[in-house]
Amino acid sequence: MTFFWSIIDFLKGTAPFIIVFDIIVAIVLLILGLMLISKKNREQKTKKIAGMVCLSIALLTFLGALSNALFSFFVF
């Protein structure tokens, strides 16, 4: 059982850094996705699809940061 609690302590210590890292990655992907979907790049289908993929991953990253924050708030 001590190994389990050492893992929990490790997660408590790294949760704030992981949340901040997730938010930074999501913002970068959001900006990149919006740039790829912008009007001047809309003509090329591959850039539009890449932009949608970036936006989808950015939303998933924001969701991951939110779930990590809620988990660390309620569990830890």
PDB file of N, CA and C in Angstrom:
ATOM      1  N   MET A   1       0.813  -1.201   0.000  1.00  0.00           N
ATOM      2  CA  MET A   1       0.000   0.000   0.000  1.00  0.00           C
ATOM      3  C   MET A   1       0.858   1.266   0.000  1.00  0.00           C
ATOM      4  N   THR A   2       2.081   1.192   0.452  1.00  0.00           N
ATOM      5  CA  THR A   2       2.914   2.393   0.464  1.00  0.00           C
ATOM      6  C   THR A   2       3.279   2.826  -0.951  1.00  0.00           C
ATOM      7  N   PHE A   3       3.411   1.859  -1.864  1.00  0.00           N
ATOM      8  CA  PHE A   3       3.697   2.203  -3.254  1.00  0.00           C
ATOM      9  C   PHE A   3       2.538   2.992  -3.850  1.00  0.00           C
ATOM     10  N   PHE A   4       1.310   2.617  -3.524  1.00  0.00           N
ATOM     11  CA  PHE A   4       0.131   3.326  -4.003  1.00  0.00           C
ATOM     12  C   PHE A   4       0.149   4.771  -3.511  1.00  0.00           C
ATOM     13  N   TRP A   5       0.444   4.975  -2.244  1.00  0.00           N
ATOM     14  CA  TRP A   5       0.447   6.334  -1.700  1.00  0.00           C
ATOM     15  C   TRP A   5       1.613   7.157  -2.231  1.00  0.00           C
ATOM     16  N   SER A   6       2.714   6.508  -2.572  1.00  0.00           N
ATOM     17  CA  SER A   6       3.821   7.255  -3.178  1.00  0.00           C
ATOM     18  C   SER A   6       3.439   7.726  -4.587  1.00  0.00           C
ATOM     19  N   ILE A   7       2.658   6.909  -5.314  1.00  0.00           N
ATOM     20  CA  ILE A   7       2.162   7.342  -6.624  1.00  0.00           C
ATOM     21  C   ILE A   7       1.204   8.519  -6.468  1.00  0.00           C
ATOM     22  N   ILE A   8       0.320   8.454  -5.492  1.00  0.00           N
ATOM     23  CA  ILE A   8      -0.618   9.555  -5.237  1.00  0.00           C
ATOM     24  C   ILE A   8       0.142  10.834  -4.881  1.00  0.00           C
ATOM     25  N   ASP A   9       1.169  10.721  -4.044  1.00  0.00           N
ATOM     26  CA  ASP A   9       1.977  11.897  -3.693  1.00  0.00           C
ATOM     27  C   ASP A   9       2.682  12.473  -4.914  1.00  0.00           C
ATOM     28  N   PHE A  10       3.167  11.597  -5.787  1.00  0.00           N
ATOM     29  CA  PHE A  10       3.807  12.063  -7.020  1.00  0.00           C
ATOM     30  C   PHE A  10       2.810  12.820  -7.897  1.00  0.00           C
ATOM     31  N   LEU A  11       1.602  12.286  -8.024  1.00  0.00           N
ATOM     32  CA  LEU A  11       0.584  12.954  -8.833  1.00  0.00           C
ATOM     33  C   LEU A  11       0.173  14.294  -8.230  1.00  0.00           C
ATOM     34  N   LYS A  12       0.140  14.362  -6.892  1.00  0.00           N
ATOM     35  CA  LYS A  12      -0.175  15.638  -6.239  1.00  0.00           C
ATOM     36  C   LYS A  12       0.869  16.693  -6.575  1.00  0.00           C
ATOM     37  N   GLY A  13       2.117  16.274  -6.616  1.00  0.00           N
ATOM     38  CA  GLY A  13       3.195  17.221  -6.887  1.00  0.00           C
ATOM     39  C   GLY A  13       3.255  17.669  -8.333  1.00  0.00           C
ATOM     40  N   THR A  14       2.883  16.801  -9.264  1.00  0.00           N
ATOM     41  CA  THR A  14       3.012  17.149 -10.681  1.00  0.00           C
ATOM     42  C   THR A  14       1.725  17.694 -11.302  1.00  0.00           C
ATOM     43  N   ALA A  15       0.611  17.604 -10.625  1.00  0.00           N
ATOM     44  CA  ALA A  15      -0.669  18.040 -11.200  1.00  0.00           C
ATOM     45  C   ALA A  15      -0.662  19.504 -11.648  1.00  0.00           C
ATOM     46  N   PRO A  16      -0.161  20.446 -10.842  1.00  0.00           N
ATOM     47  CA  PRO A  16      -0.197  21.843 -11.316  1.00  0.00           C
ATOM     48  C   PRO A  16       0.625  22.063 -12.583  1.00  0.00           C
ATOM     49  N   PHE A  17       1.771  21.398 -12.687  1.00  0.00           N
ATOM     50  CA  PHE A  17       2.599  21.567 -13.881  1.00  0.00           C
ATOM     51  C   PHE A  17       1.930  20.961 -15.105  1.00  0.00           C
ATOM     52  N   ILE A  18       1.288  19.819 -14.931  1.00  0.00           N
ATOM     53  CA  ILE A  18       0.620  19.168 -16.052  1.00  0.00           C
ATOM     54  C   ILE A  18      -0.576  19.998 -16.525  1.00  0.00           C
ATOM     55  N   ILE A  19      -1.297  20.593 -15.590  1.00  0.00           N
ATOM     56  CA  ILE A  19      -2.446  21.435 -15.959  1.00  0.00           C
ATOM     57  C   ILE A  19      -1.982  22.644 -16.769  1.00  0.00           C
ATOM     58  N   VAL A  20      -0.919  23.303 -16.310  1.00  0.00           N
ATOM     59  CA  VAL A  20      -0.399  24.472 -17.025  1.00  0.00           C
ATOM     60  C   VAL A  20       0.135  24.062 -18.391  1.00  0.00           C
ATOM     61  N   PHE A  21       0.846  22.941 -18.457  1.00  0.00           N
ATOM     62  CA  PHE A  21       1.371  22.457 -19.732  1.00  0.00           C
ATOM     63  C   PHE A  21       0.238  22.134 -20.700  1.00  0.00           C
ATOM     64  N   ASP A  22      -0.819  21.499 -20.221  1.00  0.00           N
ATOM     65  CA  ASP A  22      -1.972  21.185 -21.082  1.00  0.00           C
ATOM     66  C   ASP A  22      -2.612  22.453 -21.636  1.00  0.00           C
ATOM     67  N   ILE A  23      -2.745  23.458 -20.802  1.00  0.00           N
ATOM     68  CA  ILE A  23      -3.361  24.707 -21.260  1.00  0.00           C
ATOM     69  C   ILE A  23      -2.486  25.406 -22.288  1.00  0.00           C
ATOM     70  N   ILE A  24      -1.175  25.403 -22.090  1.00  0.00           N
ATOM     71  CA  ILE A  24      -0.268  26.033 -23.052  1.00  0.00           C
ATOM     72  C   ILE A  24      -0.321  25.305 -24.391  1.00  0.00           C
ATOM     73  N   VAL A  25      -0.288  23.988 -24.364  1.00  0.00           N
ATOM     74  CA  VAL A  25      -0.362  23.203 -25.599  1.00  0.00           C
ATOM     75  C   VAL A  25      -1.694  23.449 -26.305  1.00  0.00           C
ATOM     76  N   ALA A  26      -2.781  23.527 -25.543  1.00  0.00           N
ATOM     77  CA  ALA A  26      -4.094  23.757 -26.138  1.00  0.00           C
ATOM     78  C   ALA A  26      -4.169  25.130 -26.802  1.00  0.00           C
ATOM     79  N   ILE A  27      -3.591  26.134 -26.173  1.00  0.00           N
ATOM     80  CA  ILE A  27      -3.614  27.485 -26.766  1.00  0.00           C
ATOM     81  C   ILE A  27      -2.812  27.512 -28.067  1.00  0.00           C
ATOM     82  N   VAL A  28      -1.647  26.858 -28.061  1.00  0.00           N
ATOM     83  CA  VAL A  28      -0.827  26.817 -29.275  1.00  0.00           C
ATOM     84  C   VAL A  28      -1.569  26.090 -30.396  1.00  0.00           C
ATOM     85  N   LEU A  29      -2.185  24.955 -30.072  1.00  0.00           N
ATOM     86  CA  LEU A  29      -2.933  24.211 -31.090  1.00  0.00           C
ATOM     87  C   LEU A  29      -4.159  24.975 -31.572  1.00  0.00           C
ATOM     88  N   LEU A  30      -4.794  25.711 -30.670  1.00  0.00           N
ATOM     89  CA  LEU A  30      -5.945  26.524 -31.056  1.00  0.00           C
ATOM     90  C   LEU A  30      -5.543  27.616 -32.039  1.00  0.00           C
ATOM     91  N   ILE A  31      -4.443  28.289 -31.767  1.00  0.00           N
ATOM     92  CA  ILE A  31      -3.955  29.337 -32.666  1.00  0.00           C
ATOM     93  C   ILE A  31      -3.555  28.742 -34.014  1.00  0.00           C
ATOM     94  N   LEU A  32      -2.840  27.612 -33.973  1.00  0.00           N
ATOM     95  CA  LEU A  32      -2.433  26.958 -35.211  1.00  0.00           C
ATOM     96  C   LEU A  32      -3.640  26.501 -36.028  1.00  0.00           C
ATOM     97  N   GLY A  33      -4.637  25.932 -35.361  1.00  0.00           N
ATOM     98  CA  GLY A  33      -5.837  25.489 -36.061  1.00  0.00           C
ATOM     99  C   GLY A  33      -6.598  26.633 -36.682  1.00  0.00           C
ATOM    100  N   LEU A  34      -6.703  27.746 -35.960  1.00  0.00           N
ATOM    101  CA  LEU A  34      -7.405  28.904 -36.517  1.00  0.00           C
ATOM    102  C   LEU A  34      -6.648  29.518 -37.684  1.00  0.00           C
ATOM    103  N   MET A  35      -5.309  29.485 -37.612  1.00  0.00           N
ATOM    104  CA  MET A  35      -4.525  29.994 -38.737  1.00  0.00           C
ATOM    105  C   MET A  35      -4.708  29.117 -39.976  1.00  0.00           C
ATOM    106  N   LEU A  36      -4.795  27.805 -39.769  1.00  0.00           N
ATOM    107  CA  LEU A  36      -4.959  26.908 -40.917  1.00  0.00           C
ATOM    108  C   LEU A  36      -6.351  26.998 -41.530  1.00  0.00           C
ATOM    109  N   ILE A  37      -7.345  27.359 -40.723  1.00  0.00           N
ATOM    110  CA  ILE A  37      -8.716  27.448 -41.229  1.00  0.00           C
ATOM    111  C   ILE A  37      -9.040  28.850 -41.753  1.00  0.00           C
ATOM    112  N   SER A  38      -8.136  29.796 -41.566  1.00  0.00           N
ATOM    113  CA  SER A  38      -8.417  31.181 -41.966  1.00  0.00           C
ATOM    114  C   SER A  38      -8.778  31.271 -43.449  1.00  0.00           C
ATOM    115  N   LYS A  39      -9.300  32.405 -43.852  1.00  0.00           N
ATOM    116  CA  LYS A  39      -9.827  32.590 -45.215  1.00  0.00           C
ATOM    117  C   LYS A  39      -8.769  32.349 -46.290  1.00  0.00           C
ATOM    118  N   LYS A  40      -7.556  32.800 -46.074  1.00  0.00           N
ATOM    119  CA  LYS A  40      -6.559  32.666 -47.137  1.00  0.00           C
ATOM    120  C   LYS A  40      -6.104  31.221 -47.321  1.00  0.00           C
ATOM    121  N   ASN A  41      -6.269  30.382 -46.313  1.00  0.00           N
ATOM    122  CA  ASN A  41      -5.870  28.982 -46.433  1.00  0.00           C
ATOM    123  C   ASN A  41      -7.056  28.053 -46.668  1.00  0.00           C
ATOM    124  N   ARG A  42      -8.249  28.601 -46.733  1.00  0.00           N
ATOM    125  CA  ARG A  42      -9.442  27.778 -46.833  1.00  0.00           C
ATOM    126  C   ARG A  42      -9.557  27.064 -48.180  1.00  0.00           C
ATOM    127  N   GLU A  43      -8.891  27.592 -49.193  1.00  0.00           N
ATOM    128  CA  GLU A  43      -9.006  26.995 -50.510  1.00  0.00           C
ATOM    129  C   GLU A  43      -8.384  25.604 -50.566  1.00  0.00           C
ATOM    130  N   GLN A  44      -7.337  25.380 -49.791  1.00  0.00           N
ATOM    131  CA  GLN A  44      -6.661  24.088 -49.819  1.00  0.00           C
ATOM    132  C   GLN A  44      -7.326  23.151 -48.819  1.00  0.00           C
ATOM    133  N   LYS A  45      -7.765  22.010 -49.297  1.00  0.00           N
ATOM    134  CA  LYS A  45      -8.524  21.080 -48.462  1.00  0.00           C
ATOM    135  C   LYS A  45      -7.654  20.481 -47.361  1.00  0.00           C
ATOM    136  N   THR A  46      -6.385  20.215 -47.653  1.00  0.00           N
ATOM    137  CA  THR A  46      -5.522  19.591 -46.637  1.00  0.00           C
ATOM    138  C   THR A  46      -5.285  20.527 -45.460  1.00  0.00           C
ATOM    139  N   LYS A  47      -5.138  21.808 -45.726  1.00  0.00           N
ATOM    140  CA  LYS A  47      -4.938  22.761 -44.633  1.00  0.00           C
ATOM    141  C   LYS A  47      -6.208  22.904 -43.804  1.00  0.00           C
ATOM    142  N   LYS A  48      -7.353  22.820 -44.455  1.00  0.00           N
ATOM    143  CA  LYS A  48      -8.617  22.900 -43.719  1.00  0.00           C
ATOM    144  C   LYS A  48      -8.781  21.684 -42.812  1.00  0.00           C
ATOM    145  N   ILE A  49      -8.449  20.507 -43.324  1.00  0.00           N
ATOM    146  CA  ILE A  49      -8.549  19.296 -42.505  1.00  0.00           C
ATOM    147  C   ILE A  49      -7.538  19.336 -41.362  1.00  0.00           C
ATOM    148  N   ALA A  50      -6.321  19.791 -41.639  1.00  0.00           N
ATOM    149  CA  ALA A  50      -5.309  19.909 -40.588  1.00  0.00           C
ATOM    150  C   ALA A  50      -5.742  20.910 -39.519  1.00  0.00           C
ATOM    151  N   GLY A  51      -6.385  21.977 -39.939  1.00  0.00           N
ATOM    152  CA  GLY A  51      -6.894  22.958 -38.974  1.00  0.00           C
ATOM    153  C   GLY A  51      -7.980  22.377 -38.087  1.00  0.00           C
ATOM    154  N   MET A  52      -8.866  21.595 -38.687  1.00  0.00           N
ATOM    155  CA  MET A  52      -9.916  20.950 -37.891  1.00  0.00           C
ATOM    156  C   MET A  52      -9.323  19.948 -36.908  1.00  0.00           C
ATOM    157  N   VAL A  53      -8.288  19.221 -37.338  1.00  0.00           N
ATOM    158  CA  VAL A  53      -7.625  18.271 -36.445  1.00  0.00           C
ATOM    159  C   VAL A  53      -6.962  19.012 -35.287  1.00  0.00           C
ATOM    160  N   CYS A  54      -6.299  20.117 -35.573  1.00  0.00           N
ATOM    161  CA  CYS A  54      -5.665  20.915 -34.512  1.00  0.00           C
ATOM    162  C   CYS A  54      -6.704  21.446 -33.527  1.00  0.00           C
ATOM    163  N   LEU A  55      -7.823  21.924 -34.041  1.00  0.00           N
ATOM    164  CA  LEU A  55      -8.874  22.422 -33.150  1.00  0.00           C
ATOM    165  C   LEU A  55      -9.453  21.299 -32.297  1.00  0.00           C
ATOM    166  N   SER A  56      -9.627  20.126 -32.874  1.00  0.00           N
ATOM    167  CA  SER A  56     -10.155  18.994 -32.112  1.00  0.00           C
ATOM    168  C   SER A  56      -9.198  18.576 -31.005  1.00  0.00           C
ATOM    169  N   ILE A  57      -7.913  18.508 -31.328  1.00  0.00           N
ATOM    170  CA  ILE A  57      -6.924  18.130 -30.314  1.00  0.00           C
ATOM    171  C   ILE A  57      -6.827  19.213 -29.244  1.00  0.00           C
ATOM    172  N   ALA A  58      -6.964  20.482 -29.633  1.00  0.00           N
ATOM    173  CA  ALA A  58      -6.928  21.568 -28.655  1.00  0.00           C
ATOM    174  C   ALA A  58      -8.103  21.456 -27.680  1.00  0.00           C
ATOM    175  N   LEU A  59      -9.275  21.137 -28.199  1.00  0.00           N
ATOM    176  CA  LEU A  59     -10.433  20.974 -27.318  1.00  0.00           C
ATOM    177  C   LEU A  59     -10.248  19.785 -26.380  1.00  0.00           C
ATOM    178  N   LEU A  60      -9.686  18.700 -26.882  1.00  0.00           N
ATOM    179  CA  LEU A  60      -9.411  17.548 -26.023  1.00  0.00           C
ATOM    180  C   LEU A  60      -8.362  17.878 -24.958  1.00  0.00           C
ATOM    181  N   THR A  61      -7.382  18.700 -25.312  1.00  0.00           N
ATOM    182  CA  THR A  61      -6.366  19.094 -24.343  1.00  0.00           C
ATOM    183  C   THR A  61      -6.967  19.982 -23.268  1.00  0.00           C
ATOM    184  N   PHE A  62      -7.846  20.920 -23.644  1.00  0.00           N
ATOM    185  CA  PHE A  62      -8.535  21.721 -22.642  1.00  0.00           C
ATOM    186  C   PHE A  62      -9.384  20.841 -21.728  1.00  0.00           C
ATOM    187  N   LEU A  63     -10.049  19.864 -22.306  1.00  0.00           N
ATOM    188  CA  LEU A  63     -10.841  18.937 -21.509  1.00  0.00           C
ATOM    189  C   LEU A  63      -9.962  18.129 -20.559  1.00  0.00           C
ATOM    190  N   GLY A  64      -8.789  17.725 -21.021  1.00  0.00           N
ATOM    191  CA  GLY A  64      -7.848  17.007 -20.166  1.00  0.00           C
ATOM    192  C   GLY A  64      -7.361  17.858 -19.014  1.00  0.00           C
ATOM    193  N   ALA A  65      -7.080  19.131 -19.273  1.00  0.00           N
ATOM    194  CA  ALA A  65      -6.652  20.031 -18.200  1.00  0.00           C
ATOM    195  C   ALA A  65      -7.772  20.240 -17.188  1.00  0.00           C
ATOM    196  N   LEU A  66      -8.997  20.373 -17.683  1.00  0.00           N
ATOM    197  CA  LEU A  66     -10.137  20.553 -16.794  1.00  0.00           C
ATOM    198  C   LEU A  66     -10.372  19.320 -15.933  1.00  0.00           C
ATOM    199  N   SER A  67     -10.314  18.146 -16.541  1.00  0.00           N
ATOM    200  CA  SER A  67     -10.528  16.921 -15.764  1.00  0.00           C
ATOM    201  C   SER A  67      -9.403  16.698 -14.768  1.00  0.00           C
ATOM    202  N   ASN A  68      -8.176  17.043 -15.145  1.00  0.00           N
ATOM    203  CA  ASN A  68      -7.053  16.920 -14.222  1.00  0.00           C
ATOM    204  C   ASN A  68      -7.217  17.876 -13.045  1.00  0.00           C
ATOM    205  N   ALA A  69      -7.680  19.087 -13.318  1.00  0.00           N
ATOM    206  CA  ALA A  69      -7.889  20.055 -12.239  1.00  0.00           C
ATOM    207  C   ALA A  69      -8.996  19.592 -11.296  1.00  0.00           C
ATOM    208  N   LEU A  70     -10.109  19.119 -11.863  1.00  0.00           N
ATOM    209  CA  LEU A  70     -11.202  18.637 -11.014  1.00  0.00           C
ATOM    210  C   LEU A  70     -10.793  17.406 -10.215  1.00  0.00           C
ATOM    211  N   PHE A  71     -10.064  16.502 -10.834  1.00  0.00           N
ATOM    212  CA  PHE A  71      -9.611  15.301 -10.145  1.00  0.00           C
ATOM    213  C   PHE A  71      -8.669  15.662  -9.005  1.00  0.00           C
ATOM    214  N   SER A  72      -7.733  16.581  -9.263  1.00  0.00           N
ATOM    215  CA  SER A  72      -6.782  16.945  -8.203  1.00  0.00           C
ATOM    216  C   SER A  72      -7.481  17.744  -7.101  1.00  0.00           C
ATOM    217  N   PHE A  73      -8.535  18.479  -7.441  1.00  0.00           N
ATOM    218  CA  PHE A  73      -9.251  19.239  -6.412  1.00  0.00           C
ATOM    219  C   PHE A  73     -10.070  18.317  -5.504  1.00  0.00           C
ATOM    220  N   PHE A  74     -10.795  17.365  -6.107  1.00  0.00           N
ATOM    221  CA  PHE A  74     -11.680  16.520  -5.310  1.00  0.00           C
ATOM    222  C   PHE A  74     -10.972  15.335  -4.669  1.00  0.00           C
ATOM    223  N   VAL A  75      -9.975  14.773  -5.320  1.00  0.00           N
ATOM    224  CA  VAL A  75      -9.325  13.563  -4.793  1.00  0.00           C
ATOM    225  C   VAL A  75      -8.169  13.922  -3.882  1.00  0.00           C
ATOM    226  N   PHE A  76      -7.357  14.905  -4.301  1.00  0.00           N
ATOM    227  CA  PHE A  76      -6.183  15.223  -3.494  1.00  0.00           C
ATOM    228  C   PHE A  76      -6.548  16.248  -2.448  1.00  0.00           C
TER     229      PHE A  76
END
